[in-house]
Protein backbone atom coordinates (compact mmCIF):
# COMPACT_ATOMS: atom_id res chain seq x y z
CA MET A 1 32.00 -0.53 -0.78
CA SER A 2 30.91 3.11 -0.78
CA PRO A 3 31.47 4.89 -4.11
CA GLY A 4 34.50 7.08 -4.73
CA ILE A 5 34.56 10.36 -6.66
CA GLN A 6 37.11 10.87 -9.44
CA LYS A 7 36.29 14.45 -10.41
CA VAL A 8 33.75 17.21 -9.76
CA GLU A 9 33.01 20.36 -11.78
CA ALA A 10 30.36 23.02 -12.35
CA LEU A 11 28.43 23.01 -15.65
CA ASP A 12 25.90 25.21 -17.47
CA ALA A 13 27.18 28.49 -16.01
CA GLY A 14 27.10 27.02 -12.53
CA HIS A 15 23.53 25.72 -12.62
CA PHE A 16 24.66 22.06 -12.48
CA VAL A 17 27.37 20.10 -10.71
CA ARG A 18 28.82 17.11 -12.54
CA VAL A 19 30.30 14.25 -10.53
CA GLU A 20 32.54 11.71 -12.24
CA TRP A 21 32.72 8.48 -10.27
CA GLU A 22 35.70 6.14 -9.97
CA ASP A 23 33.76 3.42 -11.78
CA GLY A 24 33.56 5.66 -14.87
CA SER A 25 29.91 6.66 -14.52
CA GLU A 26 28.76 10.23 -13.98
CA SER A 27 25.89 12.09 -12.29
CA ARG A 28 24.54 15.61 -12.81
CA TYR A 29 22.92 17.50 -9.92
CA PRO A 30 20.90 20.72 -10.30
CA CYS A 31 22.34 23.38 -8.01
CA VAL A 32 18.95 24.50 -6.76
CA TRP A 33 18.40 20.93 -5.49
CA LEU A 34 21.87 20.83 -3.89
CA ARG A 35 21.28 24.14 -2.07
CA ASP A 36 17.78 23.02 -1.00
CA ASN A 37 19.30 19.86 0.48
CA CYS A 38 22.33 21.29 2.26
CA GLN A 39 23.07 18.96 5.18
CA CYS A 40 24.69 21.50 7.53
CA PRO A 41 23.09 22.06 11.00
CA GLN A 42 21.79 25.46 9.90
CA CYS A 43 19.84 23.96 7.00
CA PHE A 44 19.03 20.45 8.22
CA LEU A 45 17.95 19.05 11.61
CA GLN A 46 19.72 15.70 11.76
CA SER A 47 17.87 14.48 14.88
CA ALA A 48 14.56 14.74 13.01
CA ARG A 49 15.98 14.13 9.51
CA ALA A 50 14.07 17.21 8.44
CA ARG A 51 14.88 20.34 6.44
CA ARG A 52 15.27 23.55 8.41
CA LEU A 53 15.87 25.73 5.36
CA VAL A 54 12.82 27.93 4.76
CA PHE A 55 11.69 27.69 1.14
CA GLU A 56 11.15 31.43 0.82
CA ASP A 57 14.89 31.86 1.45
CA LEU A 58 15.80 29.57 -1.46
CA ASP A 59 16.95 31.20 -4.71
CA VAL A 60 15.60 28.92 -7.45
CA ASN A 61 18.13 30.38 -9.92
CA ILE A 62 21.12 29.81 -7.65
CA VAL A 63 24.51 28.89 -9.11
CA VAL A 64 27.64 27.63 -7.37
CA LYS A 65 30.47 30.02 -6.63
CA GLU A 66 32.99 27.25 -6.10
CA VAL A 67 32.90 23.44 -6.07
CA ALA A 68 35.74 21.23 -4.90
CA LEU A 69 36.55 17.60 -4.21
CA ALA A 70 37.28 17.58 -0.46
CA ASP A 71 38.40 13.95 -0.73
CA ARG A 72 37.18 11.03 -2.80
CA LYS A 73 34.23 10.55 -0.42
CA LYS A 74 32.94 14.11 -0.26
CA ILE A 75 32.41 17.31 -2.28
CA SER A 76 32.23 20.84 -0.92
CA ILE A 77 30.36 23.79 -2.42
CA THR A 78 30.59 27.49 -1.66
CA TRP A 79 27.50 29.49 -2.61
CA PRO A 80 27.38 33.17 -3.72
CA ASP A 81 26.44 34.28 -0.16
CA GLU A 82 29.50 32.35 1.16
CA HIS A 83 27.37 29.64 2.72
CA ALA A 84 29.27 26.34 2.63
CA SER A 85 27.79 22.88 1.99
CA GLU A 86 29.28 19.39 2.03
CA TYR A 87 27.82 16.27 0.45
CA GLU A 88 28.94 12.68 1.10
CA ALA A 89 29.62 10.53 -1.98
CA GLU A 90 27.31 7.70 -0.86
CA TRP A 91 24.48 10.17 -0.16
CA LEU A 92 24.90 11.72 -3.61
CA LYS A 93 25.15 8.38 -5.44
CA LYS A 94 21.83 7.18 -4.00
CA ARG A 95 20.15 10.38 -5.18
CA CYS A 96 21.54 10.39 -8.71
CA PHE A 97 19.02 11.81 -11.20
CA SER A 98 19.58 9.16 -13.88
CA GLU A 99 16.51 7.15 -14.81
CA GLU A 100 18.12 3.91 -13.61
CA ALA A 101 19.17 5.34 -10.24
CA ARG A 102 15.75 6.90 -9.64
CA ALA A 103 14.02 3.59 -10.46
CA GLU A 104 16.35 1.74 -8.07
CA MET A 105 15.65 4.21 -5.26
CA GLN A 106 11.88 4.04 -5.79
CA GLU A 107 12.03 0.25 -5.74
CA ASP A 108 14.02 0.37 -2.51
CA LEU A 109 11.55 2.79 -0.89
CA PHE A 110 8.24 1.32 -2.03
CA LEU A 111 8.82 -2.32 -3.11
CA PRO A 112 6.53 -2.05 -6.18
CA GLU A 113 7.17 -5.61 -7.44
CA ARG A 114 3.99 -7.70 -7.69
CA GLN A 115 3.46 -11.41 -8.09
CA TYR A 116 0.12 -11.93 -9.82
CA TRP A 117 -1.99 -15.04 -9.24
CA GLY A 118 -5.28 -16.76 -9.96
CA SER A 119 -6.80 -20.06 -8.86
CA ASP A 120 -3.23 -21.43 -8.83
CA LEU A 121 -2.33 -19.34 -5.74
CA GLN A 122 0.02 -21.06 -3.33
CA LEU A 123 -1.24 -19.29 -0.21
CA PRO A 124 1.85 -18.19 1.77
CA GLU A 125 1.77 -19.36 5.41
CA ILE A 126 3.82 -18.24 8.41
CA PRO A 127 3.28 -19.20 12.08
CA PHE A 128 1.72 -16.35 14.07
CA GLU A 129 4.17 -16.72 16.97
CA GLU A 130 7.13 -16.45 14.59
CA ILE A 131 6.12 -13.09 13.18
CA MET A 132 5.33 -11.81 16.66
CA TYR A 133 8.76 -12.56 18.12
CA ASN A 134 11.15 -13.00 15.19
CA ASP A 135 12.12 -9.96 13.11
CA GLU A 136 13.19 -12.01 10.09
CA SER A 137 9.80 -13.75 9.99
CA ALA A 138 7.95 -10.46 10.45
CA TYR A 139 10.00 -8.92 7.62
CA LYS A 140 9.23 -11.91 5.39
CA TRP A 141 5.53 -11.58 6.23
CA LEU A 142 5.30 -7.91 5.28
CA CYS A 143 7.45 -8.29 2.14
CA THR A 144 5.23 -11.16 0.97
CA LEU A 145 2.09 -9.21 1.83
CA LYS A 146 3.33 -6.35 -0.35
CA LYS A 147 4.41 -8.58 -3.23
CA VAL A 148 1.70 -11.28 -3.31
CA GLY A 149 -1.08 -9.37 -1.54
CA ILE A 150 -2.09 -12.10 0.92
CA VAL A 151 -0.45 -14.12 3.71
CA LEU A 152 -1.98 -16.62 6.17
CA LEU A 153 -0.71 -16.55 9.75
CA THR A 154 -1.34 -19.84 11.57
CA GLY A 155 -1.56 -20.95 15.18
CA ALA A 156 -2.95 -17.86 16.91
CA ALA A 157 -5.01 -18.35 20.08
CA THR A 158 -8.75 -18.77 19.45
CA ARG A 159 -9.84 -15.75 21.45
CA GLN A 160 -10.49 -12.08 20.77
CA GLY A 161 -7.58 -9.70 21.12
CA GLU A 162 -4.95 -11.42 18.97
CA LEU A 163 -5.39 -8.75 16.27
CA VAL A 164 -4.67 -6.03 18.83
CA LYS A 165 -1.33 -7.76 19.48
CA LEU A 166 -0.71 -7.96 15.74
CA GLY A 167 -1.53 -4.27 15.44
CA HIS A 168 1.08 -3.45 18.08
CA ARG A 169 3.60 -5.55 16.12
CA ILE A 170 3.00 -3.38 13.06
CA GLY A 171 2.53 -0.11 14.92
CA PHE A 172 -1.20 0.47 15.39
CA LEU A 173 -4.56 -0.49 13.89
CA ARG A 174 -6.91 1.74 11.89
CA LEU A 175 -9.97 2.93 13.79
CA THR A 176 -13.19 3.01 11.74
CA PHE A 177 -16.89 3.46 12.47
CA TYR A 178 -17.07 -0.28 13.25
CA GLY A 179 -14.47 0.07 16.01
CA PRO A 180 -10.75 -0.74 16.42
CA THR A 181 -11.71 -4.40 15.86
CA TRP A 182 -15.05 -5.87 14.86
CA GLN A 183 -16.81 -9.23 15.14
CA VAL A 184 -17.98 -11.00 11.96
CA GLN A 185 -20.82 -13.28 13.00
CA ASP A 186 -24.53 -13.72 12.42
CA LYS A 187 -26.32 -10.88 14.21
CA ALA A 188 -29.97 -9.91 14.51
CA ASP A 189 -30.76 -6.64 12.70
CA ALA A 190 -27.27 -6.69 11.17
CA ASN A 191 -25.86 -3.25 10.30
CA ASN A 192 -23.56 -4.83 7.71
CA VAL A 193 -24.15 -7.65 5.21
CA ALA A 194 -21.02 -9.38 6.57
CA TYR A 195 -22.91 -9.90 9.84
CA THR A 196 -25.30 -12.37 8.19
CA THR A 197 -24.97 -16.00 7.04
CA GLY A 198 -25.50 -15.17 3.36
CA LYS A 199 -23.01 -15.32 0.51
CA LEU A 200 -20.72 -12.32 0.26
CA CYS A 201 -19.78 -11.35 -3.30
CA PHE A 202 -16.25 -10.28 -4.13
CA HIS A 203 -15.57 -6.85 -2.68
CA THR A 204 -13.02 -4.53 -1.14
CA ASP A 205 -13.84 -3.12 2.27
CA TYR A 206 -14.80 0.46 2.90
CA PRO A 207 -14.65 2.21 -0.50
CA VAL A 208 -17.11 4.60 1.15
CA LEU A 209 -14.12 6.19 2.91
CA GLN A 210 -12.00 8.78 1.09
CA HIS A 211 -8.95 6.73 2.10
CA PRO A 212 -10.00 3.06 2.37
CA PRO A 213 -7.96 0.87 4.75
CA GLY A 214 -4.94 -0.60 2.99
CA VAL A 215 -4.61 -3.90 4.84
CA GLN A 216 -7.28 -6.16 6.31
CA LEU A 217 -6.77 -8.72 9.08
CA LEU A 218 -9.31 -11.51 9.74
CA HIS A 219 -8.84 -13.89 12.67
CA CYS A 220 -10.87 -17.12 12.71
CA ILE A 221 -12.02 -17.84 16.26
CA LYS A 222 -14.81 -20.28 15.44
CA GLN A 223 -15.63 -21.98 12.12
CA THR A 224 -18.87 -23.55 10.93
CA ALA A 225 -18.78 -27.25 10.00
CA THR A 226 -20.34 -26.72 6.57
CA GLY A 227 -20.12 -23.69 4.29
CA GLY A 228 -18.44 -20.41 5.13
CA GLU A 229 -15.49 -20.95 2.77
CA SER A 230 -13.47 -17.83 1.99
CA GLU A 231 -12.75 -16.69 -1.56
CA VAL A 232 -10.13 -14.24 -2.82
CA VAL A 233 -9.16 -12.83 -6.21
CA ASP A 234 -6.22 -10.71 -7.35
CA GLY A 235 -7.91 -7.49 -8.46
CA PHE A 236 -4.79 -6.13 -10.16
CA HIS A 237 -4.35 -9.33 -12.18
CA VAL A 238 -8.00 -9.22 -13.25
CA SER A 239 -7.78 -5.50 -14.06
CA ASN A 240 -4.84 -6.22 -16.38
CA LYS A 241 -6.92 -8.91 -18.07
CA LEU A 242 -9.83 -6.49 -18.53
CA LYS A 243 -7.52 -3.83 -19.95
CA LYS A 244 -6.33 -6.24 -22.65
CA GLN A 245 -9.72 -7.82 -23.27
CA ASN A 246 -11.81 -4.65 -23.34
CA PRO A 247 -9.86 -1.35 -23.13
CA GLN A 248 -13.09 0.64 -23.34
CA ALA A 249 -14.57 -1.12 -20.30
CA TYR A 250 -11.33 -0.51 -18.40
CA GLN A 251 -11.45 3.17 -19.35
CA ILE A 252 -15.05 3.47 -18.12
CA LEU A 253 -14.31 1.82 -14.75
CA SER A 254 -11.14 3.86 -14.24
CA SER A 255 -12.79 7.20 -15.04
CA THR A 256 -16.37 6.97 -13.69
CA ALA A 257 -16.93 8.24 -10.14
CA VAL A 258 -19.26 5.84 -8.32
CA ASP A 259 -21.27 6.95 -5.27
CA TYR A 260 -20.92 4.87 -2.09
CA THR A 261 -22.92 5.21 1.14
CA ASP A 262 -22.88 3.72 4.64
CA VAL A 263 -25.32 4.84 7.33
CA GLY A 264 -25.84 3.28 10.75
CA VAL A 265 -24.70 2.94 14.35
CA ASP A 266 -21.76 0.90 15.68
CA TYR A 267 -18.66 2.35 17.36
CA CYS A 268 -20.59 5.60 16.97
CA ASP A 269 -23.41 6.71 14.67
CA PHE A 270 -22.33 7.45 11.11
CA ALA A 271 -23.53 8.73 7.75
CA VAL A 272 -20.70 8.36 5.24
CA GLN A 273 -20.74 9.30 1.55
CA CYS A 274 -17.93 9.06 -0.97
CA LYS A 275 -17.16 8.95 -4.68
CA GLN A 276 -14.65 6.39 -5.94
CA LYS A 277 -13.60 4.98 -9.29
CA ILE A 278 -13.92 1.18 -9.38
CA ILE A 279 -10.33 1.02 -10.64
CA ASP A 280 -7.95 3.75 -9.47
CA VAL A 281 -4.98 4.11 -11.81
CA ASP A 282 -1.63 5.89 -11.72
CA SER A 283 -0.19 8.24 -14.36
CA ARG A 284 0.70 5.21 -16.54
CA GLY A 285 -2.84 3.81 -16.42
CA GLN A 286 -1.85 0.93 -14.10
CA ALA A 287 -4.30 -0.12 -11.39
CA VAL A 288 -3.20 0.99 -7.91
CA ARG A 289 -6.43 0.44 -5.96
CA ILE A 290 -9.73 -1.37 -6.48
CA ASN A 291 -12.80 0.27 -4.92
CA TYR A 292 -15.63 -2.20 -5.38
CA ASN A 293 -18.32 -3.09 -2.87
CA ASN A 294 -21.70 -3.89 -4.38
CA ALA A 295 -23.44 -3.78 -0.98
CA THR A 296 -22.56 -0.15 -0.27
CA ARG A 297 -22.74 1.16 -3.86
CA ASP A 298 -25.36 3.91 -3.58
CA THR A 299 -28.69 4.11 -5.41
CA VAL A 300 -27.62 7.68 -6.20
CA PHE A 301 -25.49 7.69 -9.35
CA ASP A 302 -24.09 11.06 -10.41
CA ILE A 303 -23.61 10.52 -14.16
CA ALA A 304 -25.63 11.30 -17.29
CA ALA A 305 -28.45 8.81 -17.95
CA GLU A 306 -27.04 7.70 -21.31
CA LYS A 307 -23.76 6.67 -19.65
CA VAL A 308 -25.42 4.38 -17.09
CA ARG A 309 -25.92 1.29 -19.24
CA PRO A 310 -22.34 1.32 -20.66
CA PHE A 311 -21.06 1.58 -17.09
CA TYR A 312 -23.14 -1.43 -15.98
CA ALA A 313 -21.91 -3.42 -18.99
CA ALA A 314 -18.27 -2.61 -18.11
CA LEU A 315 -18.80 -3.51 -14.46
CA LYS A 316 -20.53 -6.76 -15.41
CA GLU A 317 -17.54 -7.76 -17.54
CA PHE A 318 -15.15 -6.96 -14.67
CA ASP A 319 -17.34 -8.86 -12.19
CA ASP A 320 -17.53 -11.89 -14.50
CA LEU A 321 -13.73 -11.96 -14.68
CA LEU A 322 -13.49 -11.73 -10.89
CA ASN A 323 -15.77 -14.73 -10.51
CA SER A 324 -14.26 -16.87 -13.25
CA ALA A 325 -12.84 -20.21 -12.07
CA GLU A 326 -9.35 -19.38 -13.39
CA HIS A 327 -9.05 -16.25 -11.23
CA LYS A 328 -10.60 -17.00 -7.83
CA PHE A 329 -9.00 -19.00 -5.02
CA THR A 330 -11.14 -20.76 -2.39
CA TYR A 331 -9.97 -21.86 1.06
CA LYS A 332 -11.44 -22.40 4.52
CA LEU A 333 -10.06 -20.70 7.58
CA LYS A 334 -9.41 -22.88 10.61
CA PRO A 335 -9.71 -21.62 14.20
CA GLY A 336 -6.42 -19.85 14.98
CA ASP A 337 -5.81 -18.75 11.37
CA ILE A 338 -5.35 -15.04 10.64
CA VAL A 339 -5.58 -14.06 6.99
CA THR A 340 -3.85 -10.76 6.18
CA PHE A 341 -4.38 -9.18 2.78
CA ASP A 342 -4.04 -6.05 0.68
CA ASN A 343 -7.51 -4.45 0.72
CA TRP A 344 -6.55 -2.19 -2.19
CA ARG A 345 -5.73 -5.17 -4.40
CA VAL A 346 -7.34 -8.39 -3.16
CA LEU A 347 -11.11 -8.69 -3.33
CA HIS A 348 -12.59 -11.18 -0.88
CA GLY A 349 -15.88 -12.99 -0.47
CA ARG A 350 -17.51 -15.78 1.49
CA GLN A 351 -19.78 -18.68 0.73
CA SER A 352 -23.02 -18.89 2.68
CA TYR A 353 -23.49 -21.10 5.72
CA GLN A 354 -26.39 -22.34 7.86
CA SER A 355 -27.72 -20.11 10.62
CA GLY A 356 -28.32 -21.74 13.99
CA SER A 357 -29.63 -21.05 17.48
CA GLU A 358 -26.10 -20.10 18.52
CA VAL A 359 -23.08 -18.51 16.79
CA THR A 360 -21.41 -21.16 14.60
CA ARG A 361 -18.86 -18.93 12.86
CA HIS A 362 -16.89 -16.08 14.41
CA LEU A 363 -14.14 -13.99 12.86
CA GLU A 364 -12.57 -10.93 14.43
CA GLY A 365 -11.54 -8.28 11.93
CA ALA A 366 -9.32 -5.21 11.92
CA TYR A 367 -7.62 -2.83 9.52
CA ALA A 368 -4.20 -1.24 9.18
CA ASP A 369 -3.05 1.48 6.81
CA TRP A 370 -0.33 0.80 4.25
CA ASP A 371 1.63 3.78 5.59
CA VAL A 372 1.90 2.02 8.97
CA VAL A 373 2.69 -1.38 7.42
CA MET A 374 5.37 0.01 5.09
CA SER A 375 6.91 1.97 7.95
CA ARG A 376 7.32 -1.26 9.94
CA LEU A 377 8.63 -3.10 6.87
CA ARG A 378 11.37 -0.48 6.34
CA LEU A 379 12.36 -0.56 10.01
CA LEU A 380 12.49 -4.36 10.01
CA ARG A 381 14.53 -4.36 6.80
CA LYS A 382 17.08 -2.02 8.37
CA ARG A 383 17.31 -4.27 11.42
CA VAL A 384 17.37 -7.59 9.54
CA LEU A 385 19.65 -6.55 6.66
CA ASN A 386 21.69 -3.97 8.62
CA ARG A 387 20.89 -1.32 6.04
CA ASP A 388 20.68 2.46 6.41
């Protein structure tokens, strides 16, 4: 049921409009925001869902000349220049400025809920073919990926190219210096430590980029008989543990800019440099992205000498927590498995395996950006749940 309006009036010398709803609640809307968001064809291009009103034409001190209840589902406003605006009740209700309404809208837009885990992870699994051809399954996959941070897709063909199909299902893949997709296998003169048979420590991919890829996709095409197990750890869960256990260490890792470097030749030649904090935090001090890759952490370190040892001590404590038995989850990919995970949250690693005269282990990898993934999630939600 769409909300109904009981009463509407101007307040604060016309700077606010108060809406009283039929359920007894009320909302207050600043008039400058109402004028900025006029939905008429002159001010808003409906086909693009984009504002046409030029900001320089907006009077930030504007007040209403007249406000009226057109019917219980709409209000109308006349402005001092006689411009007329109408606002639907449902549109207004969703954009209420109360703390509760704003939190509900943000949750609806960004799905911030997280399910933390450690060694007790129940790795979510969905058949690859289901998410490719069934919207409900694809929606479940992306919702779980956002909430848990990792989902295993099973039953893909054991050949290159399946990730390209998966990319098309989402929208498109992220191109990097290693190509649109890349092959993880033992290579002579490897230009990346992943292209060896050695152990890979817990890391996030590509912190050397200003905007690291948000989602990583790894497709197992061939698996070695012994070794090569995959390991994952919930970086946000571990960051919360560190914050409680050693607030000073957390402060150091969330405020110190670490130099990263990657130089070589692959899709094209590259020489990349970047500064990242190991733990990126939001305005509330909550971790929103982990940027940790020991292999590409530069020998250059742009901090005062006396701060170096405290930084190493903080990083060692964080690394110890990552590697503790209670936090890490170990599994082994089977040919046809595609593991999809949040590269901003989930750190991954690999146990070593034996090198041979031929390739014994082959994964194809790719990246996608969270913007692309969340776009597809919202479109699928609208289709699956019939929501606007």
